[in-house]
PDB file of N, CA and C in Angstrom:
ATOM      1  N   MET A   1       0.677  -0.953   0.162  1.00  0.00           N
ATOM      2  CA  MET A   1       0.002  -0.447   0.492  1.00  0.00           C
ATOM      3  C   MET A   1       0.701   1.010   0.194  1.00  0.00           C
ATOM      4  N   LYS A   2       0.368   2.138  -1.041  1.00  0.00           N
ATOM      5  CA  LYS A   2       1.521   3.497  -1.488  1.00  0.00           C
ATOM      6  C   LYS A   2       1.248   4.109  -0.129  1.00  0.00           C
ATOM      7  N   THR A   3       1.482   4.884   0.550  1.00  0.00           N
ATOM      8  CA  THR A   3       1.016   5.635   1.958  1.00  0.00           C
ATOM      9  C   THR A   3       1.412   7.037   0.996  1.00  0.00           C
ATOM     10  N   THR A   4       1.479   7.899   1.555  1.00  0.00           N
ATOM     11  CA  THR A   4       2.215   9.872   1.918  1.00  0.00           C
ATOM     12  C   THR A   4       2.583   9.920   3.424  1.00  0.00           C
ATOM     13  N   LYS A   5       4.108  10.603   3.225  1.00  0.00           N
ATOM     14  CA  LYS A   5       4.494  11.416   3.771  1.00  0.00           C
ATOM     15  C   LYS A   5       3.436  11.888   5.578  1.00  0.00           C
ATOM     16  N   TYR A   6       2.716  12.685   5.282  1.00  0.00           N
ATOM     17  CA  TYR A   6       1.313  13.224   5.971  1.00  0.00           C
ATOM     18  C   TYR A   6       0.641  11.310   7.553  1.00  0.00           C
ATOM     19  N   PHE A   7       0.688  10.734   6.340  1.00  0.00           N
ATOM     20  CA  PHE A   7      -0.621   9.455   5.587  1.00  0.00           C
ATOM     21  C   PHE A   7       0.051   8.620   7.462  1.00  0.00           C
ATOM     22  N   ASN A   8       1.935   8.806   7.503  1.00  0.00           N
ATOM     23  CA  ASN A   8       2.820   8.353   7.999  1.00  0.00           C
ATOM     24  C   ASN A   8       2.763   8.782   9.198  1.00  0.00           C
ATOM     25  N   TYR A   9       3.172  10.443   9.719  1.00  0.00           N
ATOM     26  CA  TYR A   9       2.152  11.090  10.328  1.00  0.00           C
ATOM     27  C   TYR A   9       1.652  10.764  11.059  1.00  0.00           C
ATOM     28  N   THR A  10       0.565  10.585  11.339  1.00  0.00           N
ATOM     29  CA  THR A  10      -0.682  11.090  11.618  1.00  0.00           C
ATOM     30  C   THR A  10      -0.416  10.021  12.174  1.00  0.00           C
ATOM     31  N   ARG A  11      -0.134   8.590  11.596  1.00  0.00           N
ATOM     32  CA  ARG A  11       0.031   7.217  12.708  1.00  0.00           C
ATOM     33  C   ARG A  11       0.403   7.121  14.167  1.00  0.00           C
ATOM     34  N   GLU A  12       0.454   8.039  14.061  1.00  0.00           N
ATOM     35  CA  GLU A  12       1.442   8.057  14.832  1.00  0.00           C
ATOM     36  C   GLU A  12       0.771   8.301  16.541  1.00  0.00           C
ATOM     37  N   ARG A  13      -0.256   9.525  16.052  1.00  0.00           N
ATOM     38  CA  ARG A  13      -1.305   9.451  17.222  1.00  0.00           C
ATOM     39  C   ARG A  13      -2.120   8.119  17.494  1.00  0.00           C
ATOM     40  N   THR A  14      -2.495   8.854  19.180  1.00  0.00           N
ATOM     41  CA  THR A  14      -3.004   7.444  19.535  1.00  0.00           C
ATOM     42  C   THR A  14      -3.656   7.330  18.850  1.00  0.00           C
ATOM     43  N   ASP A  15      -5.078   8.268  18.719  1.00  0.00           N
ATOM     44  CA  ASP A  15      -6.077   7.720  18.789  1.00  0.00           C
ATOM     45  C   ASP A  15      -6.218   6.876  17.024  1.00  0.00           C
ATOM     46  N   ARG A  16      -4.811   7.168  15.562  1.00  0.00           N
ATOM     47  CA  ARG A  16      -5.239   6.293  14.465  1.00  0.00           C
ATOM     48  C   ARG A  16      -3.810   5.066  13.755  1.00  0.00           C
ATOM     49  N   SER A  17      -3.068   5.262  15.774  1.00  0.00           N
ATOM     50  CA  SER A  17      -2.402   3.782  15.637  1.00  0.00           C
ATOM     51  C   SER A  17      -3.752   3.024  15.553  1.00  0.00           C
ATOM     52  N   LYS A  18      -4.455   2.822  16.192  1.00  0.00           N
ATOM     53  CA  LYS A  18      -5.298   1.758  16.481  1.00  0.00           C
ATOM     54  C   LYS A  18      -6.395   1.665  14.882  1.00  0.00           C
ATOM     55  N   ILE A  19      -6.389   1.879  13.906  1.00  0.00           N
ATOM     56  CA  ILE A  19      -6.176   1.321  12.824  1.00  0.00           C
ATOM     57  C   ILE A  19      -5.865   1.134  12.298  1.00  0.00           C
ATOM     58  N   LYS A  20      -6.729  -0.276  11.376  1.00  0.00           N
ATOM     59  CA  LYS A  20      -5.173  -1.441  11.177  1.00  0.00           C
ATOM     60  C   LYS A  20      -5.164  -1.426   9.807  1.00  0.00           C
ATOM     61  N   ILE A  21      -4.405  -1.543   9.344  1.00  0.00           N
ATOM     62  CA  ILE A  21      -4.051  -1.359   7.900  1.00  0.00           C
ATOM     63  C   ILE A  21      -4.870  -2.333   6.880  1.00  0.00           C
ATOM     64  N   GLU A  22      -5.391  -4.089   7.346  1.00  0.00           N
ATOM     65  CA  GLU A  22      -5.799  -4.778   7.123  1.00  0.00           C
ATOM     66  C   GLU A  22      -8.032  -3.386   6.500  1.00  0.00           C
ATOM     67  N   TRP A  23      -7.793  -2.833   7.535  1.00  0.00           N
ATOM     68  CA  TRP A  23      -9.662  -2.439   8.068  1.00  0.00           C
ATOM     69  C   TRP A  23      -9.133  -0.684   6.715  1.00  0.00           C
ATOM     70  N   ILE A  24      -8.184  -0.502   6.498  1.00  0.00           N
ATOM     71  CA  ILE A  24      -7.969   0.866   5.568  1.00  0.00           C
ATOM     72  C   ILE A  24      -7.779  -0.578   4.171  1.00  0.00           C
ATOM     73  N   GLU A  25      -7.403  -0.477   3.975  1.00  0.00           N
ATOM     74  CA  GLU A  25      -7.586  -1.656   2.534  1.00  0.00           C
ATOM     75  C   GLU A  25      -9.048  -2.070   1.382  1.00  0.00           C
ATOM     76  N   HIS A  26      -9.555  -2.452   3.116  1.00  0.00           N
ATOM     77  CA  HIS A  26     -11.188  -3.401   3.361  1.00  0.00           C
ATOM     78  C   HIS A  26     -11.958  -1.372   2.421  1.00  0.00           C
ATOM     79  N   VAL A  27     -11.523  -0.700   3.398  1.00  0.00           N
ATOM     80  CA  VAL A  27     -12.701   0.677   2.558  1.00  0.00           C
ATOM     81  C   VAL A  27     -12.210   0.663   1.125  1.00  0.00           C
ATOM     82  N   ILE A  28     -10.791   0.926   0.260  1.00  0.00           N
ATOM     83  CA  ILE A  28     -10.938   1.626  -0.901  1.00  0.00           C
ATOM     84  C   ILE A  28     -11.028   0.016  -1.393  1.00  0.00           C
ATOM     85  N   THR A  29     -10.705  -1.817  -0.888  1.00  0.00           N
ATOM     86  CA  THR A  29     -11.655  -1.633  -1.358  1.00  0.00           C
ATOM     87  C   THR A  29     -13.356  -2.720  -1.942  1.00  0.00           C
ATOM     88  N   ASN A  30     -13.821  -2.189  -1.039  1.00  0.00           N
ATOM     89  CA  ASN A  30     -15.349  -2.881  -0.848  1.00  0.00           C
ATOM     90  C   ASN A  30     -15.631  -1.052   0.097  1.00  0.00           C
ATOM     91  N   PRO A  31     -15.401  -0.067  -0.811  1.00  0.00           N
ATOM     92  CA  PRO A  31     -15.999   0.818  -0.109  1.00  0.00           C
ATOM     93  C   PRO A  31     -17.205   1.055  -0.070  1.00  0.00           C
ATOM     94  N   GLU A  32     -18.227   1.694   0.469  1.00  0.00           N
ATOM     95  CA  GLU A  32     -19.626   1.636   0.706  1.00  0.00           C
ATOM     96  C   GLU A  32     -20.076   2.990   0.494  1.00  0.00           C
ATOM     97  N   LYS A  33     -19.393   4.297  -0.074  1.00  0.00           N
ATOM     98  CA  LYS A  33     -19.841   5.151  -0.341  1.00  0.00           C
ATOM     99  C   LYS A  33     -18.347   5.890  -0.879  1.00  0.00           C
ATOM    100  N   SER A  34     -17.708   6.756  -1.887  1.00  0.00           N
ATOM    101  CA  SER A  34     -17.536   6.923  -2.804  1.00  0.00           C
ATOM    102  C   SER A  34     -17.077   9.046  -3.145  1.00  0.00           C
ATOM    103  N   GLU A  35     -16.884   9.921  -3.041  1.00  0.00           N
ATOM    104  CA  GLU A  35     -16.558  10.649  -2.930  1.00  0.00           C
ATOM    105  C   GLU A  35     -15.108  11.456  -4.130  1.00  0.00           C
ATOM    106  N   ILE A  36     -15.995  11.449  -4.997  1.00  0.00           N
ATOM    107  CA  ILE A  36     -14.353  12.415  -5.544  1.00  0.00           C
ATOM    108  C   ILE A  36     -14.763  13.975  -5.078  1.00  0.00           C
ATOM    109  N   GLN A  37     -12.814  14.281  -4.549  1.00  0.00           N
ATOM    110  CA  GLN A  37     -13.418  16.294  -3.878  1.00  0.00           C
ATOM    111  C   GLN A  37     -12.677  16.976  -5.623  1.00  0.00           C
ATOM    112  N   SER A  38     -13.078  18.291  -4.755  1.00  0.00           N
ATOM    113  CA  SER A  38     -12.975  19.400  -5.720  1.00  0.00           C
ATOM    114  C   SER A  38     -11.297  19.686  -6.080  1.00  0.00           C
ATOM    115  N   ASP A  39     -10.256  18.610  -4.799  1.00  0.00           N
ATOM    116  CA  ASP A  39      -9.051  18.848  -5.868  1.00  0.00           C
ATOM    117  C   ASP A  39      -8.738  17.649  -6.090  1.00  0.00           C
ATOM    118  N   GLY A  40      -9.390  16.843  -5.954  1.00  0.00           N
ATOM    119  CA  GLY A  40      -9.193  15.816  -7.526  1.00  0.00           C
ATOM    120  C   GLY A  40      -8.652  14.438  -6.052  1.00  0.00           C
ATOM    121  N   ARG A  41      -8.957  14.337  -4.631  1.00  0.00           N
ATOM    122  CA  ARG A  41      -8.429  13.398  -3.868  1.00  0.00           C
ATOM    123  C   ARG A  41      -9.810  12.696  -4.102  1.00  0.00           C
ATOM    124  N   ILE A  42      -9.781  11.323  -3.294  1.00  0.00           N
ATOM    125  CA  ILE A  42     -10.906  10.691  -3.917  1.00  0.00           C
ATOM    126  C   ILE A  42     -11.108   9.977  -1.719  1.00  0.00           C
ATOM    127  N   ARG A  43     -12.696  10.642  -1.717  1.00  0.00           N
ATOM    128  CA  ARG A  43     -13.094   9.994   0.029  1.00  0.00           C
ATOM    129  C   ARG A  43     -13.536   9.002  -0.180  1.00  0.00           C
ATOM    130  N   LYS A  44     -13.119   7.830   0.863  1.00  0.00           N
ATOM    131  CA  LYS A  44     -13.785   6.501   0.582  1.00  0.00           C
ATOM    132  C   LYS A  44     -14.354   6.192   2.239  1.00  0.00           C
ATOM    133  N   TRP A  45     -16.037   5.196   2.369  1.00  0.00           N
ATOM    134  CA  TRP A  45     -16.186   5.627   3.750  1.00  0.00           C
ATOM    135  C   TRP A  45     -16.670   3.496   3.840  1.00  0.00           C
ATOM    136  N   ALA A  46     -16.403   2.755   4.732  1.00  0.00           N
ATOM    137  CA  ALA A  46     -17.366   1.913   4.616  1.00  0.00           C
ATOM    138  C   ALA A  46     -17.111   1.047   6.666  1.00  0.00           C
ATOM    139  N   LYS A  47     -18.292   0.704   6.582  1.00  0.00           N
ATOM    140  CA  LYS A  47     -18.155   0.388   8.412  1.00  0.00           C
ATOM    141  C   LYS A  47     -17.312  -0.708   8.309  1.00  0.00           C
ATOM    142  N   ILE A  48     -16.440  -0.241   9.755  1.00  0.00           N
ATOM    143  CA  ILE A  48     -15.365  -1.702  10.293  1.00  0.00           C
ATOM    144  C   ILE A  48     -16.492  -2.204  10.981  1.00  0.00           C
ATOM    145  N   PRO A  49     -16.765  -3.739  11.079  1.00  0.00           N
ATOM    146  CA  PRO A  49     -17.766  -3.930  12.821  1.00  0.00           C
ATOM    147  C   PRO A  49     -16.982  -4.471  13.622  1.00  0.00           C
ATOM    148  N   GLU A  50     -15.865  -4.475  13.903  1.00  0.00           N
ATOM    149  CA  GLU A  50     -14.830  -4.677  14.797  1.00  0.00           C
ATOM    150  C   GLU A  50     -15.350  -3.622  15.636  1.00  0.00           C
ATOM    151  N   VAL A  51     -14.745  -2.934  15.220  1.00  0.00           N
ATOM    152  CA  VAL A  51     -15.078  -1.303  16.064  1.00  0.00           C
ATOM    153  C   VAL A  51     -16.671  -0.287  16.136  1.00  0.00           C
ATOM    154  N   ASN A  52     -18.091  -1.185  14.773  1.00  0.00           N
ATOM    155  CA  ASN A  52     -18.365  -0.508  15.224  1.00  0.00           C
ATOM    156  C   ASN A  52     -18.432   1.324  14.571  1.00  0.00           C
ATOM    157  N   LYS A  53     -17.626   0.701  13.298  1.00  0.00           N
ATOM    158  CA  LYS A  53     -17.593   2.995  13.569  1.00  0.00           C
ATOM    159  C   LYS A  53     -17.512   3.166  11.666  1.00  0.00           C
ATOM    160  N   TYR A  54     -17.434   3.847  10.728  1.00  0.00           N
ATOM    161  CA  TYR A  54     -17.369   3.925   9.367  1.00  0.00           C
ATOM    162  C   TYR A  54     -15.984   4.272   9.729  1.00  0.00           C
ATOM    163  N   LEU A  55     -15.159   4.525   9.039  1.00  0.00           N
ATOM    164  CA  LEU A  55     -14.147   4.256   8.144  1.00  0.00           C
ATOM    165  C   LEU A  55     -14.003   5.151   7.826  1.00  0.00           C
ATOM    166  N   ARG A  56     -13.311   6.178   7.275  1.00  0.00           N
ATOM    167  CA  ARG A  56     -12.914   7.937   5.922  1.00  0.00           C
ATOM    168  C   ARG A  56     -12.268   7.238   6.294  1.00  0.00           C
ATOM    169  N   VAL A  57     -10.748   6.745   4.514  1.00  0.00           N
ATOM    170  CA  VAL A  57      -9.797   6.609   4.232  1.00  0.00           C
ATOM    171  C   VAL A  57     -10.514   8.008   2.584  1.00  0.00           C
ATOM    172  N   ILE A  58      -9.072   8.721   2.914  1.00  0.00           N
ATOM    173  CA  ILE A  58      -8.483   9.804   1.782  1.00  0.00           C
ATOM    174  C   ILE A  58      -7.074   8.584   1.042  1.00  0.00           C
ATOM    175  N   ILE A  59      -7.630   9.014  -0.373  1.00  0.00           N
ATOM    176  CA  ILE A  59      -6.905   8.579  -1.672  1.00  0.00           C
ATOM    177  C   ILE A  59      -6.331   9.242  -2.521  1.00  0.00           C
ATOM    178  N   LEU A  60      -4.950  10.125  -3.129  1.00  0.00           N
ATOM    179  CA  LEU A  60      -4.554  11.031  -3.947  1.00  0.00           C
ATOM    180  C   LEU A  60      -5.083  10.813  -4.934  1.00  0.00           C
ATOM    181  N   GLU A  61      -5.390  11.711  -6.397  1.00  0.00           N
ATOM    182  CA  GLU A  61      -5.368  11.362  -7.671  1.00  0.00           C
ATOM    183  C   GLU A  61      -5.182  10.127  -8.327  1.00  0.00           C
ATOM    184  N   ASP A  62      -4.360  10.138  -7.387  1.00  0.00           N
ATOM    185  CA  ASP A  62      -3.539   8.261  -8.635  1.00  0.00           C
ATOM    186  C   ASP A  62      -4.355   7.416  -8.388  1.00  0.00           C
ATOM    187  N   GLY A  63      -5.085   6.772  -7.201  1.00  0.00           N
ATOM    188  CA  GLY A  63      -5.788   5.618  -7.316  1.00  0.00           C
ATOM    189  C   GLY A  63      -5.714   5.170  -5.416  1.00  0.00           C
ATOM    190  N   GLU A  64      -4.714   5.155  -5.818  1.00  0.00           N
ATOM    191  CA  GLU A  64      -3.986   4.329  -4.821  1.00  0.00           C
ATOM    192  C   GLU A  64      -2.736   4.946  -3.608  1.00  0.00           C
ATOM    193  N   THR A  65      -2.725   5.821  -3.634  1.00  0.00           N
ATOM    194  CA  THR A  65      -1.695   5.693  -2.205  1.00  0.00           C
ATOM    195  C   THR A  65      -2.971   6.945  -1.486  1.00  0.00           C
ATOM    196  N   VAL A  66      -2.336   6.481  -0.769  1.00  0.00           N
ATOM    197  CA  VAL A  66      -3.043   6.398   0.665  1.00  0.00           C
ATOM    198  C   VAL A  66      -2.740   7.609   1.683  1.00  0.00           C
ATOM    199  N   HIS A  67      -3.700   9.356   1.889  1.00  0.00           N
ATOM    200  CA  HIS A  67      -4.095  10.641   2.082  1.00  0.00           C
ATOM    201  C   HIS A  67      -3.890   9.977   3.803  1.00  0.00           C
ATOM    202  N   ASN A  68      -4.821   9.435   3.649  1.00  0.00           N
ATOM    203  CA  ASN A  68      -5.762  10.189   5.407  1.00  0.00           C
ATOM    204  C   ASN A  68      -6.534   9.224   5.437  1.00  0.00           C
ATOM    205  N   ALA A  69      -6.852   8.209   6.686  1.00  0.00           N
ATOM    206  CA  ALA A  69      -7.875   7.051   7.821  1.00  0.00           C
ATOM    207  C   ALA A  69      -8.384   7.826   8.821  1.00  0.00           C
ATOM    208  N   PHE A  70      -9.410   8.519   9.091  1.00  0.00           N
ATOM    209  CA  PHE A  70      -9.327   8.364  10.060  1.00  0.00           C
ATOM    210  C   PHE A  70     -11.200   7.763   9.978  1.00  0.00           C
ATOM    211  N   PHE A  71     -11.751   7.763  11.756  1.00  0.00           N
ATOM    212  CA  PHE A  71     -12.777   7.539  12.203  1.00  0.00           C
ATOM    213  C   PHE A  71     -13.722   8.791  11.732  1.00  0.00           C
ATOM    214  N   ASP A  72     -15.355   8.235  11.226  1.00  0.00           N
ATOM    215  CA  ASP A  72     -15.878   9.533  10.472  1.00  0.00           C
ATOM    216  C   ASP A  72     -16.688   9.533  11.733  1.00  0.00           C
ATOM    217  N   ARG A  73     -16.433   9.726  12.279  1.00  0.00           N
ATOM    218  CA  ARG A  73     -17.900  10.397  13.804  1.00  0.00           C
ATOM    219  C   ARG A  73     -19.238  10.774  13.042  1.00  0.00           C
ATOM    220  N   ASN A  74     -19.560  12.000  11.845  1.00  0.00           N
ATOM    221  CA  ASN A  74     -20.384  12.691  11.082  1.00  0.00           C
ATOM    222  C   ASN A  74     -21.309  11.884  10.382  1.00  0.00           C
ATOM    223  N   TYR A  75     -20.485  10.580  10.134  1.00  0.00           N
ATOM    224  CA  TYR A  75     -21.229  10.167   8.694  1.00  0.00           C
ATOM    225  C   TYR A  75     -22.582   9.102   8.882  1.00  0.00           C
ATOM    226  N   LYS A  76     -22.957   9.264   8.067  1.00  0.00           N
ATOM    227  CA  LYS A  76     -24.300   8.474   7.995  1.00  0.00           C
ATOM    228  C   LYS A  76     -24.831   7.596   7.567  1.00  0.00           C
ATOM    229  N   GLU A  77     -25.450   6.770   8.170  1.00  0.00           N
ATOM    230  CA  GLU A  77     -25.407   5.282   7.039  1.00  0.00           C
ATOM    231  C   GLU A  77     -26.160   5.598   6.050  1.00  0.00           C
ATOM    232  N   ASN A  78     -26.876   6.022   5.980  1.00  0.00           N
ATOM    233  CA  ASN A  78     -27.866   7.028   4.878  1.00  0.00           C
ATOM    234  C   ASN A  78     -27.679   8.147   3.919  1.00  0.00           C
ATOM    235  N   GLU A  79     -26.375   7.740   4.127  1.00  0.00           N
ATOM    236  CA  GLU A  79     -26.196   8.937   3.027  1.00  0.00           C
ATOM    237  C   GLU A  79     -25.764   8.680   2.264  1.00  0.00           C
ATOM    238  N   LYS A  80     -25.073   6.716   1.699  1.00  0.00           N
ATOM    239  CA  LYS A  80     -25.198   6.554   0.357  1.00  0.00           C
ATOM    240  C   LYS A  80     -25.623   6.763  -0.272  1.00  0.00           C
TER     241      LYS A  80
END
């Protein structure tokens, strides 16, 4: 999995270090929702049953480099 320096830096935060790489890969390959941001980056969401939360993963324009990943407290299931 390709990542940005920003992603690697934020992985050191306590709240982000708990996010498993396999969860990120799951969101990338099986998103429940995807959006393209105005800057070309791609947002993807999927529910992680183990923690009962939605994980948002931000991917660069190349479609494969992970820039950010975090649990999205504001995501609503009916937004699909």
